[in-house]
């Protein structure tokens, strides 16, 4: 019979390391980077949010990416992320944050408004994410609207930092 103690130590060390990293990162927003992207407005990793300055509402897109990066840091969510439920929740919340950031910063142009923006985001979620195949545009939009009060609070707390970092990175 083999001794697997070293594997348990390794798993424990990885868990402890992730927990410490998550604790540190949860107190700080991820690093922000501005660069030209091909085929998308932005993306995020655990430690970075990236936005294309040519995006229609770059600060709003950046707010979405920052939120989603922070959301991924929660250890349990990270483990369960592949189930689809948490990916779907993160994307719905992130895209509603984009809508609210654009509204709060008065970014809408050419007759665009919050309802049209939310509808576009719901259509994008349906078109580009596997986890939304079983939802209608109406269901996605309703889920985004349910998150609106929390999105407004999150944007109020973080938008000044995000906007300043964006302008500093240009």
N, C-alpha and C. Protein backbone atom coordinates (compact mmCIF):
# COMPACT_ATOMS: atom_id res chain seq x y z
N UNK A 1 0.84 -1.19 0.00
CA UNK A 1 0.00 0.00 0.00
C UNK A 1 0.89 1.25 0.00
N UNK A 2 0.55 2.18 -0.87
CA UNK A 2 1.36 3.39 -0.99
C UNK A 2 0.89 4.45 -0.01
N UNK A 3 1.83 5.30 0.33
CA UNK A 3 1.53 6.42 1.21
C UNK A 3 1.25 7.66 0.34
N UNK A 4 0.04 8.20 0.44
CA UNK A 4 -0.35 9.35 -0.37
C UNK A 4 -0.31 10.65 0.43
N UNK A 5 0.41 10.66 1.53
CA UNK A 5 0.47 11.84 2.39
C UNK A 5 0.96 13.06 1.63
N UNK A 6 1.97 12.89 0.78
CA UNK A 6 2.51 14.03 0.03
C UNK A 6 1.47 14.67 -0.88
N UNK A 7 0.56 13.86 -1.41
CA UNK A 7 -0.51 14.42 -2.26
C UNK A 7 -1.46 15.27 -1.41
N UNK A 8 -1.77 14.80 -0.23
CA UNK A 8 -2.65 15.56 0.66
C UNK A 8 -2.00 16.89 1.07
N UNK A 9 -0.69 16.86 1.33
CA UNK A 9 0.02 18.10 1.64
C UNK A 9 -0.02 19.06 0.46
N UNK A 10 0.16 18.54 -0.73
CA UNK A 10 0.13 19.37 -1.94
C UNK A 10 -1.24 20.00 -2.13
N UNK A 11 -2.27 19.19 -1.98
CA UNK A 11 -3.64 19.71 -2.12
C UNK A 11 -3.92 20.76 -1.05
N UNK A 12 -3.50 20.51 0.17
CA UNK A 12 -3.68 21.47 1.25
C UNK A 12 -2.94 22.77 0.99
N UNK A 13 -1.70 22.66 0.49
CA UNK A 13 -0.91 23.86 0.19
C UNK A 13 -1.55 24.65 -0.94
N UNK A 14 -2.05 23.98 -1.96
CA UNK A 14 -2.72 24.68 -3.06
C UNK A 14 -3.98 25.39 -2.56
N UNK A 15 -4.75 24.71 -1.74
CA UNK A 15 -5.96 25.32 -1.19
C UNK A 15 -5.62 26.54 -0.34
N UNK A 16 -4.62 26.41 0.52
CA UNK A 16 -4.19 27.53 1.35
C UNK A 16 -3.68 28.68 0.50
N UNK A 17 -2.87 28.38 -0.51
CA UNK A 17 -2.36 29.42 -1.41
C UNK A 17 -3.48 30.14 -2.12
N UNK A 18 -4.45 29.40 -2.64
CA UNK A 18 -5.58 30.02 -3.34
C UNK A 18 -6.40 30.87 -2.39
N UNK A 19 -6.60 30.37 -1.17
CA UNK A 19 -7.37 31.13 -0.18
C UNK A 19 -6.68 32.44 0.15
N UNK A 20 -5.38 32.40 0.36
CA UNK A 20 -4.64 33.64 0.66
C UNK A 20 -4.66 34.60 -0.53
N UNK A 21 -4.46 34.06 -1.72
CA UNK A 21 -4.52 34.90 -2.93
C UNK A 21 -5.91 35.52 -3.07
N UNK A 22 -6.96 34.72 -2.87
CA UNK A 22 -8.33 35.23 -2.98
C UNK A 22 -8.60 36.32 -1.95
N UNK A 23 -8.10 36.13 -0.73
CA UNK A 23 -8.30 37.14 0.31
C UNK A 23 -7.62 38.44 -0.09
N UNK A 24 -6.37 38.36 -0.55
CA UNK A 24 -5.66 39.56 -0.97
C UNK A 24 -6.38 40.22 -2.15
N UNK A 25 -6.71 39.43 -3.15
CA UNK A 25 -7.31 39.98 -4.36
C UNK A 25 -8.71 40.52 -4.11
N UNK A 26 -9.44 39.95 -3.14
CA UNK A 26 -10.79 40.42 -2.87
C UNK A 26 -10.78 41.83 -2.28
N UNK A 27 -9.67 42.23 -1.70
CA UNK A 27 -9.57 43.57 -1.13
C UNK A 27 -9.16 44.60 -2.18
N UNK A 28 -8.76 44.15 -3.35
CA UNK A 28 -8.29 45.03 -4.41
C UNK A 28 -8.99 44.70 -5.71
N UNK A 29 -9.18 45.71 -6.53
CA UNK A 29 -9.72 45.47 -7.86
C UNK A 29 -8.58 44.98 -8.75
N UNK A 30 -8.91 44.21 -9.78
CA UNK A 30 -7.84 43.71 -10.66
C UNK A 30 -7.15 44.83 -11.41
N UNK A 31 -5.96 44.55 -11.91
CA UNK A 31 -5.24 45.53 -12.71
C UNK A 31 -6.02 45.79 -13.99
N UNK A 32 -5.93 47.01 -14.47
CA UNK A 32 -6.66 47.41 -15.66
C UNK A 32 -5.67 47.66 -16.79
N UNK A 33 -6.03 47.16 -17.96
CA UNK A 33 -5.18 47.35 -19.13
C UNK A 33 -6.07 47.80 -20.28
N UNK A 34 -5.57 48.76 -21.05
CA UNK A 34 -6.29 49.26 -22.22
C UNK A 34 -5.45 48.93 -23.44
N UNK A 35 -6.04 48.16 -24.38
CA UNK A 35 -5.32 47.84 -25.61
C UNK A 35 -6.33 47.48 -26.69
N UNK A 36 -5.89 47.62 -27.93
CA UNK A 36 -6.76 47.28 -29.06
C UNK A 36 -6.92 45.76 -29.13
N UNK A 37 -8.16 45.32 -29.25
CA UNK A 37 -8.47 43.90 -29.33
C UNK A 37 -9.13 43.61 -30.67
N UNK A 38 -9.06 42.39 -31.08
CA UNK A 38 -9.66 41.99 -32.34
C UNK A 38 -10.89 41.13 -32.06
N UNK A 39 -12.05 41.58 -32.46
CA UNK A 39 -13.25 40.77 -32.35
C UNK A 39 -14.00 40.80 -31.03
N UNK A 40 -13.55 41.58 -30.07
CA UNK A 40 -14.27 41.70 -28.80
C UNK A 40 -13.94 43.03 -28.15
N UNK A 41 -14.82 43.44 -27.23
CA UNK A 41 -14.64 44.73 -26.56
C UNK A 41 -13.77 44.64 -25.32
N UNK A 42 -13.71 43.46 -24.69
CA UNK A 42 -12.91 43.31 -23.49
C UNK A 42 -12.89 41.87 -23.04
N UNK A 43 -12.03 41.59 -22.07
CA UNK A 43 -11.97 40.27 -21.44
C UNK A 43 -11.37 40.42 -20.06
N UNK A 44 -11.43 39.33 -19.28
CA UNK A 44 -10.87 39.39 -17.93
C UNK A 44 -10.21 38.07 -17.58
N UNK A 45 -9.27 38.17 -16.64
CA UNK A 45 -8.65 37.01 -16.01
C UNK A 45 -8.81 37.22 -14.51
N UNK A 46 -8.21 36.38 -13.72
CA UNK A 46 -8.32 36.55 -12.27
C UNK A 46 -7.69 37.84 -11.78
N UNK A 47 -6.67 38.33 -12.46
CA UNK A 47 -5.93 39.48 -11.97
C UNK A 47 -5.95 40.69 -12.90
N UNK A 48 -6.63 40.59 -14.02
CA UNK A 48 -6.59 41.69 -14.99
C UNK A 48 -7.91 41.83 -15.73
N UNK A 49 -8.29 43.07 -15.99
CA UNK A 49 -9.43 43.39 -16.84
C UNK A 49 -8.89 44.22 -18.01
N UNK A 50 -9.25 43.81 -19.20
CA UNK A 50 -8.72 44.45 -20.41
C UNK A 50 -9.88 44.98 -21.23
N UNK A 51 -9.73 46.19 -21.77
CA UNK A 51 -10.78 46.79 -22.60
C UNK A 51 -10.16 47.39 -23.85
N UNK A 52 -10.91 47.34 -24.93
CA UNK A 52 -10.51 47.99 -26.18
C UNK A 52 -11.03 49.43 -26.14
N UNK A 53 -10.15 50.42 -26.32
CA UNK A 53 -10.61 51.81 -26.25
C UNK A 53 -11.60 52.16 -27.36
N UNK A 54 -11.69 51.31 -28.38
CA UNK A 54 -12.63 51.55 -29.48
C UNK A 54 -14.02 51.00 -29.18
N UNK A 55 -14.21 50.33 -28.03
CA UNK A 55 -15.52 49.77 -27.67
C UNK A 55 -16.53 50.91 -27.58
N UNK A 56 -17.81 50.63 -27.88
CA UNK A 56 -18.82 51.70 -27.84
C UNK A 56 -18.88 52.44 -26.51
N UNK A 57 -18.78 51.73 -25.41
CA UNK A 57 -18.81 52.32 -24.07
C UNK A 57 -17.65 51.72 -23.28
N UNK A 58 -16.42 52.16 -23.53
CA UNK A 58 -15.26 51.46 -22.95
C UNK A 58 -15.24 51.43 -21.42
N UNK A 59 -15.65 52.48 -20.76
CA UNK A 59 -15.63 52.48 -19.29
C UNK A 59 -16.69 51.52 -18.76
N UNK A 60 -17.83 51.46 -19.41
CA UNK A 60 -18.87 50.52 -19.01
C UNK A 60 -18.42 49.08 -19.24
N UNK A 61 -17.78 48.82 -20.37
CA UNK A 61 -17.25 47.48 -20.65
C UNK A 61 -16.20 47.11 -19.60
N UNK A 62 -15.35 48.07 -19.27
CA UNK A 62 -14.32 47.83 -18.27
C UNK A 62 -14.93 47.52 -16.90
N UNK A 63 -16.00 48.22 -16.54
CA UNK A 63 -16.69 47.93 -15.27
C UNK A 63 -17.18 46.49 -15.27
N UNK A 64 -17.74 46.03 -16.38
CA UNK A 64 -18.20 44.65 -16.48
C UNK A 64 -17.05 43.68 -16.29
N UNK A 65 -15.94 43.93 -16.96
CA UNK A 65 -14.80 43.00 -16.89
C UNK A 65 -14.17 42.98 -15.50
N UNK A 66 -14.11 44.13 -14.84
CA UNK A 66 -13.58 44.18 -13.47
C UNK A 66 -14.48 43.38 -12.53
N UNK A 67 -15.78 43.56 -12.65
CA UNK A 67 -16.72 42.81 -11.81
C UNK A 67 -16.55 41.30 -12.02
N UNK A 68 -16.51 40.89 -13.27
CA UNK A 68 -16.41 39.46 -13.57
C UNK A 68 -15.09 38.87 -13.07
N UNK A 69 -14.01 39.62 -13.16
CA UNK A 69 -12.72 39.14 -12.66
C UNK A 69 -12.80 38.93 -11.14
N UNK A 70 -13.39 39.88 -10.43
CA UNK A 70 -13.52 39.74 -8.97
C UNK A 70 -14.46 38.59 -8.61
N UNK A 71 -15.49 38.41 -9.38
CA UNK A 71 -16.46 37.35 -9.11
C UNK A 71 -15.79 35.97 -9.19
N UNK A 72 -14.86 35.81 -10.11
CA UNK A 72 -14.16 34.54 -10.31
C UNK A 72 -13.25 34.19 -9.12
N UNK A 73 -12.88 35.17 -8.32
CA UNK A 73 -11.92 34.93 -7.25
C UNK A 73 -12.47 34.08 -6.11
N UNK A 74 -13.74 34.04 -5.93
CA UNK A 74 -14.31 33.25 -4.85
C UNK A 74 -13.99 31.77 -5.11
N UNK A 75 -13.34 31.12 -4.17
CA UNK A 75 -12.82 29.76 -4.37
C UNK A 75 -13.91 28.77 -4.76
N UNK A 76 -15.01 28.77 -4.03
CA UNK A 76 -16.07 27.82 -4.32
C UNK A 76 -16.67 28.08 -5.70
N UNK A 77 -16.88 29.35 -6.04
CA UNK A 77 -17.40 29.66 -7.37
C UNK A 77 -16.45 29.17 -8.45
N UNK A 78 -15.15 29.34 -8.19
CA UNK A 78 -14.16 28.89 -9.16
C UNK A 78 -14.26 27.38 -9.38
N UNK A 79 -14.43 26.63 -8.30
CA UNK A 79 -14.56 25.18 -8.43
C UNK A 79 -15.83 24.78 -9.17
N UNK A 80 -16.90 25.50 -8.89
CA UNK A 80 -18.20 25.16 -9.48
C UNK A 80 -18.46 25.87 -10.80
N UNK A 81 -17.52 26.67 -11.25
CA UNK A 81 -17.71 27.51 -12.43
C UNK A 81 -18.10 26.71 -13.66
N UNK A 82 -17.64 25.50 -13.77
CA UNK A 82 -17.91 24.70 -14.96
C UNK A 82 -19.34 24.17 -15.02
N UNK A 83 -20.11 24.34 -13.95
CA UNK A 83 -21.47 23.83 -13.95
C UNK A 83 -22.39 24.66 -14.83
N UNK A 84 -22.01 25.85 -15.18
CA UNK A 84 -22.85 26.69 -16.03
C UNK A 84 -23.65 27.68 -15.23
N UNK A 85 -24.18 27.27 -14.08
CA UNK A 85 -25.00 28.17 -13.26
C UNK A 85 -24.21 29.40 -12.84
N UNK A 86 -22.98 29.19 -12.39
CA UNK A 86 -22.18 30.30 -11.90
C UNK A 86 -21.65 31.15 -13.05
N UNK A 87 -21.34 30.52 -14.17
CA UNK A 87 -20.94 31.29 -15.35
C UNK A 87 -22.09 32.15 -15.81
N UNK A 88 -23.27 31.58 -15.85
CA UNK A 88 -24.46 32.32 -16.29
C UNK A 88 -24.74 33.49 -15.35
N UNK A 89 -24.68 33.23 -14.04
CA UNK A 89 -24.92 34.29 -13.06
C UNK A 89 -23.89 35.41 -13.20
N UNK A 90 -22.61 35.03 -13.33
CA UNK A 90 -21.54 36.02 -13.46
C UNK A 90 -21.75 36.88 -14.71
N UNK A 91 -22.07 36.25 -15.81
CA UNK A 91 -22.25 37.01 -17.06
C UNK A 91 -23.48 37.92 -17.01
N UNK A 92 -24.57 37.43 -16.45
CA UNK A 92 -25.78 38.27 -16.32
C UNK A 92 -25.47 39.49 -15.46
N UNK A 93 -24.83 39.26 -14.33
CA UNK A 93 -24.50 40.37 -13.42
C UNK A 93 -23.52 41.33 -14.09
N UNK A 94 -22.50 40.78 -14.74
CA UNK A 94 -21.50 41.63 -15.39
C UNK A 94 -22.09 42.49 -16.48
N UNK A 95 -22.97 41.91 -17.28
CA UNK A 95 -23.55 42.68 -18.38
C UNK A 95 -24.54 43.73 -17.87
N UNK A 96 -25.23 43.45 -16.76
CA UNK A 96 -26.10 44.49 -16.17
C UNK A 96 -25.24 45.61 -15.58
N UNK A 97 -24.09 45.27 -15.04
CA UNK A 97 -23.18 46.31 -14.54
C UNK A 97 -22.73 47.20 -15.69
N UNK A 98 -22.47 46.60 -16.85
CA UNK A 98 -22.11 47.42 -18.02
C UNK A 98 -23.24 48.39 -18.37
N UNK A 99 -24.46 47.90 -18.37
CA UNK A 99 -25.63 48.75 -18.69
C UNK A 99 -25.73 49.90 -17.69
N UNK A 100 -25.60 49.60 -16.40
CA UNK A 100 -25.75 50.64 -15.38
C UNK A 100 -24.58 51.63 -15.40
N UNK A 101 -23.38 51.16 -15.69
CA UNK A 101 -22.24 52.08 -15.79
C UNK A 101 -22.43 53.04 -16.95
N UNK A 102 -22.90 52.54 -18.06
CA UNK A 102 -23.15 53.42 -19.22
C UNK A 102 -24.24 54.44 -18.89
N UNK A 103 -25.28 54.00 -18.19
CA UNK A 103 -26.37 54.91 -17.82
C UNK A 103 -25.88 55.97 -16.83
N UNK A 104 -25.14 55.55 -15.81
CA UNK A 104 -24.69 56.50 -14.78
C UNK A 104 -23.70 57.52 -15.33
N UNK A 105 -22.91 57.13 -16.29
CA UNK A 105 -21.91 58.04 -16.85
C UNK A 105 -22.44 58.77 -18.08
N UNK A 106 -23.74 58.66 -18.34
CA UNK A 106 -24.38 59.34 -19.47
C UNK A 106 -23.63 59.11 -20.78
N UNK A 107 -23.36 57.86 -21.08
CA UNK A 107 -22.59 57.52 -22.28
C UNK A 107 -23.46 57.30 -23.51
N UNK A 108 -24.75 57.23 -23.35
CA UNK A 108 -25.61 56.89 -24.48
C UNK A 108 -25.63 57.99 -25.53
N UNK A 109 -25.52 57.57 -26.78
CA UNK A 109 -25.52 58.50 -27.91
C UNK A 109 -26.48 58.01 -28.98
N UNK A 110 -26.83 58.87 -29.89
CA UNK A 110 -27.67 58.52 -31.05
C UNK A 110 -28.98 57.83 -30.66
N UNK A 111 -29.63 58.32 -29.61
CA UNK A 111 -30.93 57.79 -29.22
C UNK A 111 -30.87 56.47 -28.47
N UNK A 112 -29.68 55.98 -28.18
CA UNK A 112 -29.54 54.74 -27.43
C UNK A 112 -30.00 54.99 -25.99
N UNK A 113 -30.45 53.95 -25.31
CA UNK A 113 -30.84 54.10 -23.91
C UNK A 113 -30.62 52.78 -23.17
N UNK A 114 -30.95 52.79 -21.89
CA UNK A 114 -30.72 51.63 -21.03
C UNK A 114 -31.44 50.39 -21.54
N UNK A 115 -32.68 50.53 -21.98
CA UNK A 115 -33.46 49.37 -22.43
C UNK A 115 -32.86 48.76 -23.69
N UNK A 116 -32.47 49.61 -24.64
CA UNK A 116 -31.84 49.10 -25.87
C UNK A 116 -30.50 48.45 -25.57
N UNK A 117 -29.73 49.05 -24.69
CA UNK A 117 -28.42 48.50 -24.33
C UNK A 117 -28.60 47.13 -23.67
N UNK A 118 -29.53 47.03 -22.72
CA UNK A 118 -29.77 45.75 -22.05
C UNK A 118 -30.22 44.69 -23.06
N UNK A 119 -31.06 45.07 -24.00
CA UNK A 119 -31.52 44.13 -25.02
C UNK A 119 -30.36 43.63 -25.88
N UNK A 120 -29.46 44.53 -26.26
CA UNK A 120 -28.27 44.14 -27.03
C UNK A 120 -27.39 43.19 -26.23
N UNK A 121 -27.21 43.49 -24.94
CA UNK A 121 -26.38 42.63 -24.10
C UNK A 121 -27.02 41.24 -23.94
N UNK A 122 -28.34 41.19 -23.78
CA UNK A 122 -29.04 39.90 -23.66
C UNK A 122 -28.87 39.09 -24.95
N UNK A 123 -28.99 39.74 -26.09
CA UNK A 123 -28.80 39.05 -27.37
C UNK A 123 -27.37 38.55 -27.52
N UNK A 124 -26.40 39.34 -27.06
CA UNK A 124 -25.00 38.92 -27.13
C UNK A 124 -24.75 37.71 -26.23
N UNK A 125 -25.33 37.71 -25.04
CA UNK A 125 -25.18 36.56 -24.14
C UNK A 125 -25.76 35.31 -24.79
N UNK A 126 -26.93 35.43 -25.37
CA UNK A 126 -27.58 34.29 -26.02
C UNK A 126 -26.75 33.78 -27.19
N UNK A 127 -26.16 34.68 -27.95
CA UNK A 127 -25.42 34.31 -29.16
C UNK A 127 -24.02 33.75 -28.87
N UNK A 128 -23.37 34.22 -27.81
CA UNK A 128 -21.95 33.91 -27.62
C UNK A 128 -21.60 32.99 -26.45
N UNK A 129 -22.58 32.62 -25.63
CA UNK A 129 -22.29 31.78 -24.47
C UNK A 129 -23.17 30.53 -24.48
N UNK A 130 -22.53 29.38 -24.38
CA UNK A 130 -23.25 28.11 -24.39
C UNK A 130 -24.27 28.01 -23.26
N UNK A 131 -23.99 28.57 -22.13
CA UNK A 131 -24.86 28.45 -20.97
C UNK A 131 -26.21 29.14 -21.11
N UNK A 132 -26.41 29.88 -22.19
CA UNK A 132 -27.66 30.61 -22.38
C UNK A 132 -28.54 30.01 -23.47
N UNK A 133 -28.16 28.84 -23.98
CA UNK A 133 -28.91 28.22 -25.07
C UNK A 133 -30.37 27.94 -24.70
N UNK A 134 -30.61 27.57 -23.44
CA UNK A 134 -31.95 27.19 -23.02
C UNK A 134 -32.78 28.38 -22.52
N UNK A 135 -32.24 29.58 -22.58
CA UNK A 135 -32.96 30.77 -22.11
C UNK A 135 -33.39 31.61 -23.31
N UNK A 136 -34.53 32.27 -23.16
CA UNK A 136 -34.98 33.21 -24.19
C UNK A 136 -34.36 34.58 -23.90
N UNK A 137 -34.39 35.45 -24.87
CA UNK A 137 -33.90 36.82 -24.69
C UNK A 137 -34.70 37.49 -23.56
N UNK A 138 -35.99 37.21 -23.51
CA UNK A 138 -36.85 37.79 -22.46
C UNK A 138 -36.41 37.31 -21.08
N UNK A 139 -36.07 36.01 -20.95
CA UNK A 139 -35.60 35.47 -19.67
C UNK A 139 -34.28 36.11 -19.24
N UNK A 140 -33.38 36.27 -20.20
CA UNK A 140 -32.07 36.87 -19.90
C UNK A 140 -32.25 38.32 -19.46
N UNK A 141 -33.10 39.05 -20.19
CA UNK A 141 -33.37 40.45 -19.85
C UNK A 141 -33.98 40.55 -18.46
N UNK A 142 -34.93 39.68 -18.15
CA UNK A 142 -35.57 39.70 -16.82
C UNK A 142 -34.55 39.41 -15.72
N UNK A 143 -33.63 38.49 -15.97
CA UNK A 143 -32.58 38.18 -14.99
C UNK A 143 -31.67 39.39 -14.78
N UNK A 144 -31.37 40.10 -15.85
CA UNK A 144 -30.54 41.30 -15.73
C UNK A 144 -31.26 42.38 -14.92
N UNK A 145 -32.54 42.56 -15.18
CA UNK A 145 -33.32 43.58 -14.46
C UNK A 145 -33.39 43.24 -12.97
N UNK A 146 -33.50 41.96 -12.62
CA UNK A 146 -33.52 41.56 -11.20
C UNK A 146 -32.24 41.97 -10.48
N UNK A 147 -31.14 42.01 -11.18
CA UNK A 147 -29.86 42.37 -10.58
C UNK A 147 -29.62 43.88 -10.58
N UNK A 148 -30.48 44.66 -11.20
CA UNK A 148 -30.25 46.11 -11.37
C UNK A 148 -29.92 46.84 -10.07
N UNK A 149 -30.65 46.68 -8.95
CA UNK A 149 -30.31 47.42 -7.73
C UNK A 149 -28.89 47.13 -7.24
N UNK A 150 -28.49 45.86 -7.27
CA UNK A 150 -27.13 45.52 -6.86
C UNK A 150 -26.10 46.07 -7.83
N UNK A 151 -26.42 46.06 -9.11
CA UNK A 151 -25.51 46.60 -10.12
C UNK A 151 -25.30 48.10 -9.90
N UNK A 152 -26.37 48.81 -9.61
CA UNK A 152 -26.26 50.25 -9.35
C UNK A 152 -25.34 50.50 -8.16
N UNK A 153 -25.52 49.74 -7.08
CA UNK A 153 -24.67 49.90 -5.89
C UNK A 153 -23.20 49.61 -6.23
N UNK A 154 -22.95 48.51 -6.95
CA UNK A 154 -21.58 48.15 -7.29
C UNK A 154 -20.93 49.23 -8.15
N UNK A 155 -21.66 49.74 -9.12
CA UNK A 155 -21.11 50.77 -10.01
C UNK A 155 -20.82 52.04 -9.20
N UNK A 156 -21.73 52.44 -8.34
CA UNK A 156 -21.49 53.63 -7.52
C UNK A 156 -20.21 53.51 -6.69
N UNK A 157 -19.95 52.32 -6.16
CA UNK A 157 -18.77 52.11 -5.32
C UNK A 157 -17.47 52.06 -6.11
N UNK A 158 -17.51 51.67 -7.38
CA UNK A 158 -16.29 51.37 -8.10
C UNK A 158 -16.03 52.19 -9.36
N UNK A 159 -17.00 52.91 -9.86
CA UNK A 159 -16.86 53.53 -11.18
C UNK A 159 -15.79 54.62 -11.22
N UNK A 160 -15.63 55.38 -10.15
CA UNK A 160 -14.61 56.44 -10.16
C UNK A 160 -13.21 55.86 -10.31
N UNK A 161 -12.93 54.79 -9.54
CA UNK A 161 -11.63 54.13 -9.67
C UNK A 161 -11.44 53.60 -11.08
N UNK A 162 -12.44 52.92 -11.61
CA UNK A 162 -12.34 52.33 -12.95
C UNK A 162 -12.12 53.41 -14.00
N UNK A 163 -12.87 54.49 -13.90
CA UNK A 163 -12.73 55.58 -14.88
C UNK A 163 -11.35 56.22 -14.80
N UNK A 164 -10.87 56.47 -13.59
CA UNK A 164 -9.53 57.06 -13.43
C UNK A 164 -8.45 56.15 -13.97
N UNK A 165 -8.54 54.86 -13.67
CA UNK A 165 -7.54 53.91 -14.17
C UNK A 165 -7.58 53.83 -15.69
N UNK A 166 -8.77 53.86 -16.25
CA UNK A 166 -8.90 53.82 -17.71
C UNK A 166 -8.18 55.00 -18.35
N UNK A 167 -8.45 56.20 -17.84
CA UNK A 167 -7.83 57.40 -18.41
C UNK A 167 -6.31 57.43 -18.16
N UNK A 168 -5.87 56.86 -17.05
CA UNK A 168 -4.43 56.79 -16.78
C UNK A 168 -3.71 55.82 -17.73
N UNK A 169 -4.44 54.84 -18.25
CA UNK A 169 -3.83 53.81 -19.10
C UNK A 169 -3.87 54.17 -20.59
N UNK A 170 -4.61 55.21 -20.94
CA UNK A 170 -4.68 55.60 -22.37
C UNK A 170 -3.36 56.08 -22.89
